[in-house]
């Protein structure tokens, strides 16, 4: 499944990275602990978090993630959006809770590693 297909399926808003929506999603990861994501998430994963600061962009870039979903109606900070745009990182937002997003991803066949 591509990020674009996911956007077409779930109630997600594209905040940045529109040019990278064709990326394939290899699996999923959910955590709000940045060091945990850096050590455990795999390239191509989609990451579910409730954090909206610019460090999520650095982690997504370092880990080679396909996209970041910021759950729970949390809006990313302006610096995070600007940095994500510069680094072509897909950042998505949703009003769904993290729990709901992960459940829906799993139902769509996106599993953890």
Protein backbone atom coordinates (compact mmCIF):
# COMPACT_ATOMS: atom_id res chain seq x y z
CA UNK A 1 0.00 0.00 0.00
CA UNK A 2 1.24 3.51 -0.76
CA UNK A 3 0.88 6.54 1.47
CA UNK A 4 -1.54 8.03 -1.09
CA UNK A 5 -3.76 4.95 -0.91
CA UNK A 6 -3.77 5.25 2.86
CA UNK A 7 -4.72 8.94 2.65
CA UNK A 8 -7.60 7.97 0.36
CA UNK A 9 -8.80 5.35 2.87
CA UNK A 10 -8.43 6.92 6.33
CA UNK A 11 -9.42 10.38 7.60
CA UNK A 12 -5.94 11.86 7.19
CA UNK A 13 -4.86 15.38 6.29
CA UNK A 14 -1.62 15.84 4.34
CA UNK A 15 0.46 18.53 6.07
CA UNK A 16 3.71 18.10 4.14
CA UNK A 17 5.46 15.83 1.65
CA UNK A 18 2.82 15.84 -1.07
CA UNK A 19 5.48 14.88 -3.64
CA UNK A 20 6.30 11.72 -1.66
CA UNK A 21 2.80 10.26 -1.32
CA UNK A 22 3.73 7.46 -3.73
CA UNK A 23 6.05 5.85 -1.17
CA UNK A 24 5.30 2.24 -0.28
CA UNK A 25 4.47 1.39 3.32
CA UNK A 26 6.37 -1.69 4.51
CA UNK A 27 4.90 -1.83 8.02
CA UNK A 28 3.93 0.30 10.96
CA UNK A 29 5.33 1.52 14.25
CA UNK A 30 3.71 3.42 17.14
CA UNK A 31 5.59 5.21 19.89
CA UNK A 32 6.07 8.64 21.39
CA UNK A 33 9.60 7.88 22.62
CA UNK A 34 11.92 9.18 19.89
CA UNK A 35 14.90 7.02 20.85
CA UNK A 36 12.64 3.98 20.69
CA UNK A 37 11.51 4.86 17.16
CA UNK A 38 15.11 5.44 16.03
CA UNK A 39 16.16 2.05 17.36
CA UNK A 40 13.14 -0.06 16.45
CA UNK A 41 11.26 1.37 13.44
CA UNK A 42 12.37 0.14 10.04
CA UNK A 43 12.82 1.98 6.78
CA UNK A 44 9.52 2.21 4.93
CA UNK A 45 7.40 2.05 8.10
CA UNK A 46 4.62 4.50 8.83
CA UNK A 47 4.96 5.96 12.32
CA UNK A 48 2.02 6.87 14.57
CA UNK A 49 2.72 9.45 17.28
CA UNK A 50 1.06 12.26 19.21
CA UNK A 51 4.08 14.53 19.04
CA UNK A 52 4.16 17.52 16.74
CA UNK A 53 7.57 19.11 17.32
CA UNK A 54 10.34 19.28 14.74
CA UNK A 55 12.31 16.37 16.21
CA UNK A 56 9.79 13.95 14.70
CA UNK A 57 10.98 15.06 11.26
CA UNK A 58 14.61 14.35 12.12
CA UNK A 59 13.69 10.89 13.44
CA UNK A 60 11.57 10.10 10.35
CA UNK A 61 14.41 11.17 8.09
CA UNK A 62 17.08 9.20 9.99
CA UNK A 63 14.94 6.06 10.08
CA UNK A 64 13.86 6.35 6.43
CA UNK A 65 10.16 6.23 7.29
CA UNK A 66 7.48 6.49 4.62
CA UNK A 67 5.34 8.87 6.66
CA UNK A 68 4.42 10.15 10.11
CA UNK A 69 0.83 10.22 11.34
CA UNK A 70 0.21 12.68 14.16
CA UNK A 71 -2.89 11.41 15.95
CA UNK A 72 -5.37 12.85 18.41
CA UNK A 73 -6.01 16.19 16.65
CA UNK A 74 -2.49 17.35 17.57
CA UNK A 75 -1.31 20.01 15.13
CA UNK A 76 2.39 20.01 14.23
CA UNK A 77 4.43 23.06 15.15
CA UNK A 78 5.24 25.49 12.33
CA UNK A 79 8.95 24.64 12.54
CA UNK A 80 8.12 20.95 12.14
CA UNK A 81 6.03 21.61 9.04
CA UNK A 82 8.75 23.81 7.55
CA UNK A 83 11.45 21.21 8.24
CA UNK A 84 9.29 18.38 6.88
CA UNK A 85 8.76 20.34 3.68
CA UNK A 86 12.47 20.94 3.27
CA UNK A 87 13.31 17.27 3.86
CA UNK A 88 10.32 15.97 1.85
CA UNK A 89 8.96 14.01 4.82
CA UNK A 90 5.28 13.08 4.63
CA UNK A 91 3.46 14.32 7.74
CA UNK A 92 -0.22 13.48 8.14
CA UNK A 93 -2.65 14.48 10.88
CA UNK A 94 -5.88 12.90 12.07
CA UNK A 95 -8.51 13.38 14.73
CA UNK A 96 -8.44 9.63 15.40
CA UNK A 97 -6.67 8.52 18.57
CA UNK A 98 -3.39 6.63 18.26
CA UNK A 99 -5.20 3.46 19.30
CA UNK A 100 -7.80 3.88 16.54
CA UNK A 101 -5.18 4.67 13.88
CA UNK A 102 -3.10 1.60 14.73
CA UNK A 103 -6.20 -0.60 14.70
CA UNK A 104 -7.24 0.67 11.29
CA UNK A 105 -3.73 0.28 9.88
CA UNK A 106 -3.71 -3.31 11.11
CA UNK A 107 -7.10 -3.97 9.50
CA UNK A 108 -5.68 -2.65 6.21
CA UNK A 109 -2.86 -5.17 6.40
CA UNK A 110 -0.14 -2.86 7.70
CA UNK A 111 1.54 -4.88 10.42
CA UNK A 112 4.37 -4.28 12.86
CA UNK A 113 7.76 -5.82 12.17
